[in-house]
PDB file of N, CA and C in Angstrom:
ATOM      1  N   UNK A   1      -6.306  10.263 -19.336  1.00  0.00           N
ATOM      2  CA  UNK A   1      -5.776   9.103 -18.565  1.00  0.00           C
ATOM      3  C   UNK A   1      -5.351   8.335 -17.403  1.00  0.00           C
ATOM      4  N   UNK A   2      -4.477   9.501 -17.174  1.00  0.00           N
ATOM      5  CA  UNK A   2      -3.589   9.306 -15.955  1.00  0.00           C
ATOM      6  C   UNK A   2      -4.627   9.585 -15.132  1.00  0.00           C
ATOM      7  N   UNK A   3      -5.502  10.532 -14.830  1.00  0.00           N
ATOM      8  CA  UNK A   3      -6.288  10.606 -13.997  1.00  0.00           C
ATOM      9  C   UNK A   3      -7.339   9.503 -13.034  1.00  0.00           C
ATOM     10  N   UNK A   4      -7.173   8.769 -14.342  1.00  0.00           N
ATOM     11  CA  UNK A   4      -8.695   8.059 -14.494  1.00  0.00           C
ATOM     12  C   UNK A   4      -8.037   6.738 -14.180  1.00  0.00           C
ATOM     13  N   UNK A   5      -6.867   6.695 -14.350  1.00  0.00           N
ATOM     14  CA  UNK A   5      -6.232   5.341 -14.492  1.00  0.00           C
ATOM     15  C   UNK A   5      -5.639   5.265 -12.216  1.00  0.00           C
ATOM     16  N   UNK A   6      -5.167   6.466 -12.215  1.00  0.00           N
ATOM     17  CA  UNK A   6      -5.214   6.356 -10.702  1.00  0.00           C
ATOM     18  C   UNK A   6      -6.215   6.448  -9.625  1.00  0.00           C
ATOM     19  N   UNK A   7      -7.745   6.823 -10.501  1.00  0.00           N
ATOM     20  CA  UNK A   7      -8.734   6.923  -9.518  1.00  0.00           C
ATOM     21  C   UNK A   7      -8.781   5.871  -9.954  1.00  0.00           C
ATOM     22  N   UNK A   8      -9.379   4.286 -10.191  1.00  0.00           N
ATOM     23  CA  UNK A   8      -9.168   3.573 -10.583  1.00  0.00           C
ATOM     24  C   UNK A   8      -9.303   2.533  -9.534  1.00  0.00           C
ATOM     25  N   UNK A   9      -7.776   3.065  -9.427  1.00  0.00           N
ATOM     26  CA  UNK A   9      -6.705   1.853  -8.706  1.00  0.00           C
ATOM     27  C   UNK A   9      -7.507   2.850  -7.364  1.00  0.00           C
ATOM     28  N   UNK A  10      -7.301   3.863  -6.758  1.00  0.00           N
ATOM     29  CA  UNK A  10      -7.526   4.593  -5.944  1.00  0.00           C
ATOM     30  C   UNK A  10      -9.078   3.527  -5.376  1.00  0.00           C
ATOM     31  N   UNK A  11     -10.159   3.138  -6.113  1.00  0.00           N
ATOM     32  CA  UNK A  11     -11.550   2.723  -5.350  1.00  0.00           C
ATOM     33  C   UNK A  11     -10.798   0.925  -5.260  1.00  0.00           C
ATOM     34  N   UNK A  12      -9.943   0.588  -5.966  1.00  0.00           N
ATOM     35  CA  UNK A  12      -9.920  -1.167  -5.754  1.00  0.00           C
ATOM     36  C   UNK A  12      -8.986  -1.647  -4.474  1.00  0.00           C
ATOM     37  N   UNK A  13      -7.472  -0.221  -4.664  1.00  0.00           N
ATOM     38  CA  UNK A  13      -7.116  -0.169  -3.280  1.00  0.00           C
ATOM     39  C   UNK A  13      -8.291   0.240  -1.729  1.00  0.00           C
ATOM     40  N   UNK A  14      -9.239   0.653  -2.077  1.00  0.00           N
ATOM     41  CA  UNK A  14      -9.821   1.515  -0.409  1.00  0.00           C
ATOM     42  C   UNK A  14     -11.088  -0.458  -0.578  1.00  0.00           C
ATOM     43  N   UNK A  15     -11.874  -0.687  -1.896  1.00  0.00           N
ATOM     44  CA  UNK A  15     -11.564  -2.282  -2.094  1.00  0.00           C
ATOM     45  C   UNK A  15     -11.295  -3.187  -1.223  1.00  0.00           C
ATOM     46  N   UNK A  16     -10.426  -3.261  -1.030  1.00  0.00           N
ATOM     47  CA  UNK A  16      -9.053  -4.178  -0.701  1.00  0.00           C
ATOM     48  C   UNK A  16      -9.369  -4.261   0.508  1.00  0.00           C
ATOM     49  N   UNK A  17      -8.576  -2.140   1.129  1.00  0.00           N
ATOM     50  CA  UNK A  17      -9.258  -2.291   2.520  1.00  0.00           C
ATOM     51  C   UNK A  17      -9.990  -2.539   3.260  1.00  0.00           C
ATOM     52  N   UNK A  18     -10.486  -2.487   2.955  1.00  0.00           N
ATOM     53  CA  UNK A  18     -12.066  -2.470   3.242  1.00  0.00           C
ATOM     54  C   UNK A  18     -12.161  -3.595   3.663  1.00  0.00           C
ATOM     55  N   UNK A  19     -11.983  -4.792   2.415  1.00  0.00           N
ATOM     56  CA  UNK A  19     -12.577  -6.003   3.108  1.00  0.00           C
ATOM     57  C   UNK A  19     -11.497  -6.696   4.593  1.00  0.00           C
ATOM     58  N   UNK A  20     -10.186  -5.822   4.359  1.00  0.00           N
ATOM     59  CA  UNK A  20      -9.588  -6.481   5.182  1.00  0.00           C
ATOM     60  C   UNK A  20      -9.790  -5.922   7.069  1.00  0.00           C
ATOM     61  N   UNK A  21     -10.484  -4.850   6.576  1.00  0.00           N
ATOM     62  CA  UNK A  21     -10.888  -4.270   8.128  1.00  0.00           C
ATOM     63  C   UNK A  21     -12.276  -4.986   8.227  1.00  0.00           C
ATOM     64  N   UNK A  22     -12.788  -5.108   7.396  1.00  0.00           N
ATOM     65  CA  UNK A  22     -14.558  -6.610   7.520  1.00  0.00           C
ATOM     66  C   UNK A  22     -13.760  -7.900   7.711  1.00  0.00           C
ATOM     67  N   UNK A  23     -12.430  -7.886   8.585  1.00  0.00           N
ATOM     68  CA  UNK A  23     -12.271  -9.248   8.697  1.00  0.00           C
ATOM     69  C   UNK A  23     -12.229  -9.079  10.205  1.00  0.00           C
ATOM     70  N   UNK A  24     -12.286  -7.389  10.569  1.00  0.00           N
ATOM     71  CA  UNK A  24     -12.280  -7.870  12.280  1.00  0.00           C
ATOM     72  C   UNK A  24     -11.420  -6.899  12.362  1.00  0.00           C
ATOM     73  N   UNK A  25     -12.427  -4.865  13.347  1.00  0.00           N
ATOM     74  CA  UNK A  25     -11.986  -4.181  13.005  1.00  0.00           C
ATOM     75  C   UNK A  25     -10.935  -4.389  15.573  1.00  0.00           C
ATOM     76  N   UNK A  26     -11.728  -5.691  15.596  1.00  0.00           N
ATOM     77  CA  UNK A  26     -10.917  -5.705  16.460  1.00  0.00           C
ATOM     78  C   UNK A  26      -9.493  -5.461  17.041  1.00  0.00           C
ATOM     79  N   UNK A  27      -8.718  -5.365  18.659  1.00  0.00           N
ATOM     80  CA  UNK A  27      -7.615  -4.581  17.744  1.00  0.00           C
ATOM     81  C   UNK A  27      -7.241  -6.259  18.092  1.00  0.00           C
ATOM     82  N   UNK A  28      -5.611  -6.980  17.865  1.00  0.00           N
ATOM     83  CA  UNK A  28      -5.261  -7.724  18.014  1.00  0.00           C
ATOM     84  C   UNK A  28      -5.467  -8.653  19.494  1.00  0.00           C
ATOM     85  N   UNK A  29      -5.552  -8.037  20.469  1.00  0.00           N
ATOM     86  CA  UNK A  29      -5.746  -8.518  21.533  1.00  0.00           C
ATOM     87  C   UNK A  29      -7.241  -8.773  21.717  1.00  0.00           C
ATOM     88  N   UNK A  30      -7.212  -7.698  21.243  1.00  0.00           N
ATOM     89  CA  UNK A  30      -9.421  -8.586  20.895  1.00  0.00           C
ATOM     90  C   UNK A  30      -9.782  -9.486  20.662  1.00  0.00           C
ATOM     91  N   UNK A  31      -8.972 -10.160  19.636  1.00  0.00           N
ATOM     92  CA  UNK A  31      -9.390 -11.198  17.993  1.00  0.00           C
ATOM     93  C   UNK A  31      -8.265 -12.715  19.560  1.00  0.00           C
ATOM     94  N   UNK A  32      -7.567 -12.011  20.042  1.00  0.00           N
ATOM     95  CA  UNK A  32      -7.052 -13.157  20.368  1.00  0.00           C
ATOM     96  C   UNK A  32      -7.566 -13.788  21.230  1.00  0.00           C
ATOM     97  N   UNK A  33      -8.308 -12.729  22.032  1.00  0.00           N
ATOM     98  CA  UNK A  33      -8.579 -13.218  23.916  1.00  0.00           C
ATOM     99  C   UNK A  33      -9.659 -14.476  23.738  1.00  0.00           C
ATOM    100  N   UNK A  34     -10.215 -14.868  23.153  1.00  0.00           N
ATOM    101  CA  UNK A  34     -10.648 -16.068  22.937  1.00  0.00           C
ATOM    102  C   UNK A  34     -10.320 -17.196  22.619  1.00  0.00           C
ATOM    103  N   UNK A  35      -9.543 -17.501  21.939  1.00  0.00           N
ATOM    104  CA  UNK A  35      -8.121 -18.220  21.433  1.00  0.00           C
ATOM    105  C   UNK A  35      -7.580 -18.552  23.079  1.00  0.00           C
ATOM    106  N   UNK A  36      -7.303 -17.916  24.444  1.00  0.00           N
ATOM    107  CA  UNK A  36      -6.713 -18.417  25.124  1.00  0.00           C
ATOM    108  C   UNK A  36      -7.055 -19.511  26.278  1.00  0.00           C
ATOM    109  N   UNK A  37      -8.719 -19.309  25.700  1.00  0.00           N
ATOM    110  CA  UNK A  37      -9.278 -20.236  26.402  1.00  0.00           C
ATOM    111  C   UNK A  37      -8.591 -21.667  26.578  1.00  0.00           C
ATOM    112  N   UNK A  38      -8.586 -22.678  27.883  1.00  0.00           N
ATOM    113  CA  UNK A  38      -8.362 -23.826  27.553  1.00  0.00           C
ATOM    114  C   UNK A  38      -8.329 -24.572  26.947  1.00  0.00           C
ATOM    115  N   UNK A  39      -9.450 -24.820  26.680  1.00  0.00           N
ATOM    116  CA  UNK A  39      -9.418 -25.471  25.609  1.00  0.00           C
ATOM    117  C   UNK A  39      -8.834 -25.060  24.143  1.00  0.00           C
ATOM    118  N   UNK A  40      -8.672 -24.172  23.619  1.00  0.00           N
ATOM    119  CA  UNK A  40      -7.838 -24.323  22.318  1.00  0.00           C
ATOM    120  C   UNK A  40      -6.252 -24.538  22.609  1.00  0.00           C
ATOM    121  N   UNK A  41      -6.150 -25.038  21.499  1.00  0.00           N
ATOM    122  CA  UNK A  41      -4.529 -25.391  20.743  1.00  0.00           C
ATOM    123  C   UNK A  41      -3.889 -24.296  21.404  1.00  0.00           C
ATOM    124  N   UNK A  42      -2.508 -24.645  21.462  1.00  0.00           N
ATOM    125  CA  UNK A  42      -1.267 -23.492  21.228  1.00  0.00           C
ATOM    126  C   UNK A  42      -1.446 -23.382  19.374  1.00  0.00           C
ATOM    127  N   UNK A  43      -1.819 -24.439  18.564  1.00  0.00           N
ATOM    128  CA  UNK A  43      -1.372 -23.742  16.743  1.00  0.00           C
ATOM    129  C   UNK A  43      -2.307 -23.493  16.995  1.00  0.00           C
ATOM    130  N   UNK A  44      -3.416 -23.101  16.996  1.00  0.00           N
ATOM    131  CA  UNK A  44      -3.966 -22.454  16.683  1.00  0.00           C
ATOM    132  C   UNK A  44      -4.255 -21.085  17.258  1.00  0.00           C
ATOM    133  N   UNK A  45      -4.152 -20.106  17.899  1.00  0.00           N
ATOM    134  CA  UNK A  45      -3.034 -19.281  18.072  1.00  0.00           C
ATOM    135  C   UNK A  45      -2.711 -18.988  17.473  1.00  0.00           C
ATOM    136  N   UNK A  46      -0.923 -19.324  17.928  1.00  0.00           N
ATOM    137  CA  UNK A  46      -0.107 -19.642  16.568  1.00  0.00           C
ATOM    138  C   UNK A  46      -0.694 -18.993  14.651  1.00  0.00           C
ATOM    139  N   UNK A  47      -1.658 -19.758  14.412  1.00  0.00           N
ATOM    140  CA  UNK A  47      -2.205 -18.956  13.619  1.00  0.00           C
ATOM    141  C   UNK A  47      -3.178 -17.960  13.131  1.00  0.00           C
ATOM    142  N   UNK A  48      -3.839 -18.006  14.482  1.00  0.00           N
ATOM    143  CA  UNK A  48      -4.589 -16.997  14.887  1.00  0.00           C
ATOM    144  C   UNK A  48      -3.628 -15.916  14.037  1.00  0.00           C
ATOM    145  N   UNK A  49      -2.714 -15.093  15.168  1.00  0.00           N
ATOM    146  CA  UNK A  49      -1.687 -14.302  15.428  1.00  0.00           C
ATOM    147  C   UNK A  49      -0.818 -14.396  14.152  1.00  0.00           C
ATOM    148  N   UNK A  50      -0.480 -14.978  13.191  1.00  0.00           N
ATOM    149  CA  UNK A  50       0.300 -15.677  12.232  1.00  0.00           C
ATOM    150  C   UNK A  50      -0.400 -14.471  10.455  1.00  0.00           C
ATOM    151  N   UNK A  51      -2.098 -14.842  10.556  1.00  0.00           N
ATOM    152  CA  UNK A  51      -2.845 -14.253   9.997  1.00  0.00           C
ATOM    153  C   UNK A  51      -3.269 -13.286   9.797  1.00  0.00           C
ATOM    154  N   UNK A  52      -3.429 -12.339  11.742  1.00  0.00           N
ATOM    155  CA  UNK A  52      -3.529 -10.888  11.943  1.00  0.00           C
ATOM    156  C   UNK A  52      -2.515 -10.151  11.524  1.00  0.00           C
ATOM    157  N   UNK A  53      -1.307 -11.024  11.925  1.00  0.00           N
ATOM    158  CA  UNK A  53       0.305 -10.088  11.279  1.00  0.00           C
ATOM    159  C   UNK A  53       0.421 -10.166   9.632  1.00  0.00           C
ATOM    160  N   UNK A  54      -0.049 -11.161   8.849  1.00  0.00           N
ATOM    161  CA  UNK A  54      -0.176 -10.573   8.684  1.00  0.00           C
ATOM    162  C   UNK A  54      -1.450  -9.761   6.788  1.00  0.00           C
ATOM    163  N   UNK A  55      -2.551  -9.393   7.959  1.00  0.00           N
ATOM    164  CA  UNK A  55      -3.579  -9.083   6.666  1.00  0.00           C
ATOM    165  C   UNK A  55      -2.657  -7.134   8.090  1.00  0.00           C
ATOM    166  N   UNK A  56      -2.331  -7.462   8.838  1.00  0.00           N
ATOM    167  CA  UNK A  56      -2.133  -5.915   9.625  1.00  0.00           C
ATOM    168  C   UNK A  56      -0.906  -5.562   8.205  1.00  0.00           C
ATOM    169  N   UNK A  57      -0.345  -6.190   7.835  1.00  0.00           N
ATOM    170  CA  UNK A  57       0.610  -6.321   7.028  1.00  0.00           C
ATOM    171  C   UNK A  57      -0.030  -5.411   5.256  1.00  0.00           C
ATOM    172  N   UNK A  58      -0.561  -6.269   5.106  1.00  0.00           N
ATOM    173  CA  UNK A  58      -0.916  -6.313   3.140  1.00  0.00           C
ATOM    174  C   UNK A  58      -2.142  -4.887   4.617  1.00  0.00           C
ATOM    175  N   UNK A  59      -2.751  -4.479   4.442  1.00  0.00           N
ATOM    176  CA  UNK A  59      -3.204  -3.258   5.483  1.00  0.00           C
ATOM    177  C   UNK A  59      -1.936  -2.251   4.842  1.00  0.00           C
ATOM    178  N   UNK A  60      -0.917  -2.087   5.859  1.00  0.00           N
ATOM    179  CA  UNK A  60      -0.658  -1.502   5.393  1.00  0.00           C
ATOM    180  C   UNK A  60       0.696  -0.759   4.515  1.00  0.00           C
ATOM    181  N   UNK A  61       1.371  -1.982   3.183  1.00  0.00           N
ATOM    182  CA  UNK A  61       1.075  -1.760   2.244  1.00  0.00           C
ATOM    183  C   UNK A  61       0.082  -1.020   0.481  1.00  0.00           C
ATOM    184  N   UNK A  62      -1.202  -1.274   1.188  1.00  0.00           N
ATOM    185  CA  UNK A  62      -1.936  -1.400   0.415  1.00  0.00           C
ATOM    186  C   UNK A  62      -2.011   0.191   1.108  1.00  0.00           C
ATOM    187  N   UNK A  63      -1.984   1.229   2.399  1.00  0.00           N
ATOM    188  CA  UNK A  63      -2.402   2.307   2.233  1.00  0.00           C
ATOM    189  C   UNK A  63      -1.106   3.101   2.364  1.00  0.00           C
ATOM    190  N   UNK A  64       0.155   2.901   2.704  1.00  0.00           N
ATOM    191  CA  UNK A  64       1.730   3.265   1.228  1.00  0.00           C
ATOM    192  C   UNK A  64       0.723   3.593   0.334  1.00  0.00           C
ATOM    193  N   UNK A  65       0.118   2.103  -0.763  1.00  0.00           N
ATOM    194  CA  UNK A  65       0.799   2.981  -2.256  1.00  0.00           C
ATOM    195  C   UNK A  65      -0.694   3.711  -2.456  1.00  0.00           C
ATOM    196  N   UNK A  66      -2.009   3.684  -1.338  1.00  0.00           N
ATOM    197  CA  UNK A  66      -2.742   5.331  -1.546  1.00  0.00           C
ATOM    198  C   UNK A  66      -2.212   6.013  -1.581  1.00  0.00           C
ATOM    199  N   UNK A  67      -1.456   6.801  -0.116  1.00  0.00           N
ATOM    200  CA  UNK A  67      -0.859   7.912   0.016  1.00  0.00           C
ATOM    201  C   UNK A  67      -0.062   8.147  -1.167  1.00  0.00           C
ATOM    202  N   UNK A  68       0.336   6.960  -1.809  1.00  0.00           N
ATOM    203  CA  UNK A  68       0.817   7.805  -2.933  1.00  0.00           C
ATOM    204  C   UNK A  68      -0.239   7.807  -4.433  1.00  0.00           C
ATOM    205  N   UNK A  69      -0.742   7.359  -4.697  1.00  0.00           N
ATOM    206  CA  UNK A  69      -2.480   7.987  -5.158  1.00  0.00           C
ATOM    207  C   UNK A  69      -2.454   8.973  -4.820  1.00  0.00           C
ATOM    208  N   UNK A  70      -2.496   9.411  -3.900  1.00  0.00           N
ATOM    209  CA  UNK A  70      -3.166  10.625  -3.209  1.00  0.00           C
ATOM    210  C   UNK A  70      -2.684  11.317  -4.252  1.00  0.00           C
ATOM    211  N   UNK A  71      -0.444  11.999  -3.881  1.00  0.00           N
ATOM    212  CA  UNK A  71       0.369  12.748  -3.815  1.00  0.00           C
ATOM    213  C   UNK A  71      -0.217  12.586  -5.421  1.00  0.00           C
ATOM    214  N   UNK A  72       0.223  12.028  -6.650  1.00  0.00           N
ATOM    215  CA  UNK A  72       0.223  12.051  -7.892  1.00  0.00           C
ATOM    216  C   UNK A  72      -1.686  12.454  -8.740  1.00  0.00           C
ATOM    217  N   UNK A  73      -2.358  12.654  -7.664  1.00  0.00           N
ATOM    218  CA  UNK A  73      -3.961  13.485  -7.490  1.00  0.00           C
ATOM    219  C   UNK A  73      -2.889  14.753  -7.076  1.00  0.00           C
ATOM    220  N   UNK A  74      -2.161  14.896  -6.371  1.00  0.00           N
ATOM    221  CA  UNK A  74      -1.803  16.077  -6.198  1.00  0.00           C
ATOM    222  C   UNK A  74      -1.096  16.170  -7.321  1.00  0.00           C
ATOM    223  N   UNK A  75      -0.459  15.659  -7.728  1.00  0.00           N
ATOM    224  CA  UNK A  75       0.936  16.272  -9.102  1.00  0.00           C
ATOM    225  C   UNK A  75      -0.046  16.972  -9.620  1.00  0.00           C
ATOM    226  N   UNK A  76      -1.354  15.950 -10.943  1.00  0.00           N
ATOM    227  CA  UNK A  76      -1.616  16.410 -11.815  1.00  0.00           C
ATOM    228  C   UNK A  76      -2.122  18.444 -10.929  1.00  0.00           C
ATOM    229  N   UNK A  77      -3.175  17.949  -9.813  1.00  0.00           N
ATOM    230  CA  UNK A  77      -3.733  19.200 -10.239  1.00  0.00           C
ATOM    231  C   UNK A  77      -2.300  20.613  -9.574  1.00  0.00           C
ATOM    232  N   UNK A  78      -1.982  20.377  -9.684  1.00  0.00           N
ATOM    233  CA  UNK A  78      -0.628  21.205  -9.312  1.00  0.00           C
ATOM    234  C   UNK A  78       0.022  21.590 -10.530  1.00  0.00           C
ATOM    235  N   UNK A  79      -0.114  20.399 -12.160  1.00  0.00           N
ATOM    236  CA  UNK A  79       0.765  20.058 -13.398  1.00  0.00           C
ATOM    237  C   UNK A  79       2.251  20.003 -12.719  1.00  0.00           C
ATOM    238  N   UNK A  80       2.215  19.192 -12.728  1.00  0.00           N
ATOM    239  CA  UNK A  80       3.796  18.686 -12.144  1.00  0.00           C
ATOM    240  C   UNK A  80       3.316  16.758 -11.680  1.00  0.00           C
ATOM    241  N   UNK A  81       2.934  16.000 -12.800  1.00  0.00           N
ATOM    242  CA  UNK A  81       3.267  14.972 -12.739  1.00  0.00           C
ATOM    243  C   UNK A  81       3.753  14.681 -13.738  1.00  0.00           C
ATOM    244  N   UNK A  82       4.108  13.331 -13.395  1.00  0.00           N
ATOM    245  CA  UNK A  82       4.827  12.669 -14.050  1.00  0.00           C
ATOM    246  C   UNK A  82       6.615  12.685 -14.754  1.00  0.00           C
ATOM    247  N   UNK A  83       6.377  14.071 -12.845  1.00  0.00           N
ATOM    248  CA  UNK A  83       8.090  14.600 -13.297  1.00  0.00           C
ATOM    249  C   UNK A  83       9.092  13.776 -12.024  1.00  0.00           C
ATOM    250  N   UNK A  84       9.962  12.858 -12.770  1.00  0.00           N
ATOM    251  CA  UNK A  84      11.208  12.443 -11.608  1.00  0.00           C
ATOM    252  C   UNK A  84      10.816  13.942 -10.110  1.00  0.00           C
ATOM    253  N   UNK A  85      10.585  12.943  -9.101  1.00  0.00           N
ATOM    254  CA  UNK A  85      11.148  13.977  -8.044  1.00  0.00           C
ATOM    255  C   UNK A  85      12.669  14.403  -7.792  1.00  0.00           C
ATOM    256  N   UNK A  86      13.876  13.146  -8.336  1.00  0.00           N
ATOM    257  CA  UNK A  86      14.423  13.568  -8.383  1.00  0.00           C
ATOM    258  C   UNK A  86      15.480  14.093  -9.093  1.00  0.00           C
ATOM    259  N   UNK A  87      15.341  13.967 -10.019  1.00  0.00           N
ATOM    260  CA  UNK A  87      17.034  14.865 -11.634  1.00  0.00           C
ATOM    261  C   UNK A  87      15.598  15.679 -12.097  1.00  0.00           C
ATOM    262  N   UNK A  88      14.068  15.584 -12.039  1.00  0.00           N
ATOM    263  CA  UNK A  88      13.139  16.951 -12.478  1.00  0.00           C
ATOM    264  C   UNK A  88      13.406  16.376 -13.945  1.00  0.00           C
ATOM    265  N   UNK A  89      13.514  15.172 -14.609  1.00  0.00           N
ATOM    266  CA  UNK A  89      12.894  15.216 -15.489  1.00  0.00           C
ATOM    267  C   UNK A  89      11.677  14.146 -16.111  1.00  0.00           C
ATOM    268  N   UNK A  90      11.016  13.986 -17.417  1.00  0.00           N
ATOM    269  CA  UNK A  90       9.411  13.356 -17.546  1.00  0.00           C
ATOM    270  C   UNK A  90      10.079  11.850 -17.102  1.00  0.00           C
ATOM    271  N   UNK A  91       9.275  11.482 -16.628  1.00  0.00           N
ATOM    272  CA  UNK A  91       9.189   9.735 -16.627  1.00  0.00           C
ATOM    273  C   UNK A  91       8.081   9.477 -18.597  1.00  0.00           C
ATOM    274  N   UNK A  92       8.773   8.117 -18.087  1.00  0.00           N
ATOM    275  CA  UNK A  92       8.283   8.327 -20.201  1.00  0.00           C
ATOM    276  C   UNK A  92       7.092   7.421 -19.653  1.00  0.00           C
ATOM    277  N   UNK A  93       6.336   8.375 -20.870  1.00  0.00           N
ATOM    278  CA  UNK A  93       4.317   7.839 -20.442  1.00  0.00           C
ATOM    279  C   UNK A  93       3.932   5.682 -20.259  1.00  0.00           C
ATOM    280  N   UNK A  94       5.515   4.870 -20.639  1.00  0.00           N
ATOM    281  CA  UNK A  94       4.716   3.465 -20.589  1.00  0.00           C
ATOM    282  C   UNK A  94       5.523   3.285 -19.180  1.00  0.00           C
ATOM    283  N   UNK A  95       6.814   4.401 -18.253  1.00  0.00           N
ATOM    284  CA  UNK A  95       6.328   4.098 -16.980  1.00  0.00           C
ATOM    285  C   UNK A  95       4.798   4.521 -16.054  1.00  0.00           C
ATOM    286  N   UNK A  96       4.410   5.480 -16.701  1.00  0.00           N
ATOM    287  CA  UNK A  96       3.289   5.936 -15.984  1.00  0.00           C
ATOM    288  C   UNK A  96       1.732   5.717 -16.279  1.00  0.00           C
ATOM    289  N   UNK A  97       2.185   4.767 -17.650  1.00  0.00           N
ATOM    290  CA  UNK A  97       0.034   3.860 -17.681  1.00  0.00           C
ATOM    291  C   UNK A  97       1.415   2.418 -16.585  1.00  0.00           C
ATOM    292  N   UNK A  98       2.117   2.134 -16.581  1.00  0.00           N
ATOM    293  CA  UNK A  98       2.537   0.881 -15.409  1.00  0.00           C
ATOM    294  C   UNK A  98       2.517   1.002 -14.732  1.00  0.00           C
ATOM    295  N   UNK A  99       2.342   2.126 -14.058  1.00  0.00           N
ATOM    296  CA  UNK A  99       2.397   2.519 -12.538  1.00  0.00           C
ATOM    297  C   UNK A  99       2.556   3.921 -12.616  1.00  0.00           C
ATOM    298  N   UNK A 100       0.950   4.145 -12.463  1.00  0.00           N
ATOM    299  CA  UNK A 100       0.708   6.041 -12.705  1.00  0.00           C
ATOM    300  C   UNK A 100       1.310   6.960 -11.690  1.00  0.00           C
ATOM    301  N   UNK A 101       1.270   5.759 -10.179  1.00  0.00           N
ATOM    302  CA  UNK A 101       1.668   6.687  -8.759  1.00  0.00           C
ATOM    303  C   UNK A 101       3.403   6.918  -9.384  1.00  0.00           C
ATOM    304  N   UNK A 102       3.342   6.580 -10.381  1.00  0.00           N
ATOM    305  CA  UNK A 102       5.301   6.298 -10.408  1.00  0.00           C
ATOM    306  C   UNK A 102       5.810   8.249  -9.724  1.00  0.00           C
ATOM    307  N   UNK A 103       6.812   7.895  -8.881  1.00  0.00           N
ATOM    308  CA  UNK A 103       7.075   8.738  -8.287  1.00  0.00           C
ATOM    309  C   UNK A 103       8.529  10.103  -9.518  1.00  0.00           C
ATOM    310  N   UNK A 104       9.029   8.528  -9.261  1.00  0.00           N
ATOM    311  CA  UNK A 104      10.277   8.907  -9.605  1.00  0.00           C
ATOM    312  C   UNK A 104      10.622   8.536 -11.097  1.00  0.00           C
ATOM    313  N   UNK A 105      11.886   7.821 -11.972  1.00  0.00           N
ATOM    314  CA  UNK A 105      12.164   7.130 -13.572  1.00  0.00           C
ATOM    315  C   UNK A 105      12.602   5.943 -12.796  1.00  0.00           C
ATOM    316  N   UNK A 106      12.788   5.524 -14.379  1.00  0.00           N
ATOM    317  CA  UNK A 106      13.232   3.737 -13.625  1.00  0.00           C
ATOM    318  C   UNK A 106      14.843   4.362 -12.688  1.00  0.00           C
ATOM    319  N   UNK A 107      15.148   4.903 -13.638  1.00  0.00           N
ATOM    320  CA  UNK A 107      16.868   4.928 -12.545  1.00  0.00           C
ATOM    321  C   UNK A 107      16.749   5.108 -10.731  1.00  0.00           C
ATOM    322  N   UNK A 108      15.631   6.568 -10.717  1.00  0.00           N
ATOM    323  CA  UNK A 108      16.435   6.526  -9.466  1.00  0.00           C
ATOM    324  C   UNK A 108      15.530   5.856  -8.828  1.00  0.00           C
ATOM    325  N   UNK A 109      13.700   5.289  -9.796  1.00  0.00           N
ATOM    326  CA  UNK A 109      13.577   3.898  -8.189  1.00  0.00           C
ATOM    327  C   UNK A 109      14.256   3.114  -7.944  1.00  0.00           C
ATOM    328  N   UNK A 110      14.689   2.544  -9.022  1.00  0.00           N
ATOM    329  CA  UNK A 110      16.004   1.760  -8.448  1.00  0.00           C
ATOM    330  C   UNK A 110      16.846   2.316  -7.731  1.00  0.00           C
ATOM    331  N   UNK A 111      17.108   3.478  -7.052  1.00  0.00           N
ATOM    332  CA  UNK A 111      17.633   3.941  -6.459  1.00  0.00           C
ATOM    333  C   UNK A 111      17.519   4.013  -5.460  1.00  0.00           C
ATOM    334  N   UNK A 112      16.065   4.129  -5.488  1.00  0.00           N
ATOM    335  CA  UNK A 112      15.841   4.370  -3.877  1.00  0.00           C
ATOM    336  C   UNK A 112      15.311   3.341  -2.677  1.00  0.00           C
ATOM    337  N   UNK A 113      15.140   1.652  -3.974  1.00  0.00           N
ATOM    338  CA  UNK A 113      14.921   1.233  -3.026  1.00  0.00           C
ATOM    339  C   UNK A 113      15.484   0.086  -3.048  1.00  0.00           C
ATOM    340  N   UNK A 114      16.928   0.738  -3.821  1.00  0.00           N
ATOM    341  CA  UNK A 114      18.035  -0.063  -2.095  1.00  0.00           C
ATOM    342  C   UNK A 114      18.361   0.403  -1.395  1.00  0.00           C
ATOM    343  N   UNK A 115      18.330   2.450  -0.602  1.00  0.00           N
ATOM    344  CA  UNK A 115      18.095   3.591  -0.444  1.00  0.00           C
ATOM    345  C   UNK A 115      17.474   2.516   0.459  1.00  0.00           C
ATOM    346  N   UNK A 116      16.014   1.936   0.586  1.00  0.00           N
ATOM    347  CA  UNK A 116      14.953   1.802   1.382  1.00  0.00           C
ATOM    348  C   UNK A 116      14.684   0.788   3.406  1.00  0.00           C
ATOM    349  N   UNK A 117      15.500  -0.159   2.370  1.00  0.00           N
ATOM    350  CA  UNK A 117      16.027  -0.983   3.432  1.00  0.00           C
ATOM    351  C   UNK A 117      17.116  -0.282   5.274  1.00  0.00           C
ATOM    352  N   UNK A 118      17.073   0.812   4.426  1.00  0.00           N
ATOM    353  CA  UNK A 118      18.770   1.427   5.807  1.00  0.00           C
ATOM    354  C   UNK A 118      18.201   2.849   6.069  1.00  0.00           C
ATOM    355  N   UNK A 119      16.837   3.092   5.646  1.00  0.00           N
ATOM    356  CA  UNK A 119      16.064   4.158   6.100  1.00  0.00           C
ATOM    357  C   UNK A 119      14.899   3.959   6.386  1.00  0.00           C
TER     358      UNK A 119
END
């Protein structure tokens, strides 16, 4: 069941990433170059920059989640899936159903989230 959930989530995230990529494979400079003409209002450039930044942020999140899924699939193959990376205890099935790529038990996930901003 875990492999199915992970595979379904990977497919969903890949589709999302492809839709984001489809909004323009050009770099930010290229996408804004046409907006730099005299007839464009500065607010239009700001809006375009905001949208591009938002898309890049979403894409970064999706890429990170895809990496977590690949890691979880590797753990399935290695026989270590469902084990907290911090304490080595089993991650409850309910948590794995909700977050199939979970790396930590609830206790250590909370600790990890508190540490991440500093790293």
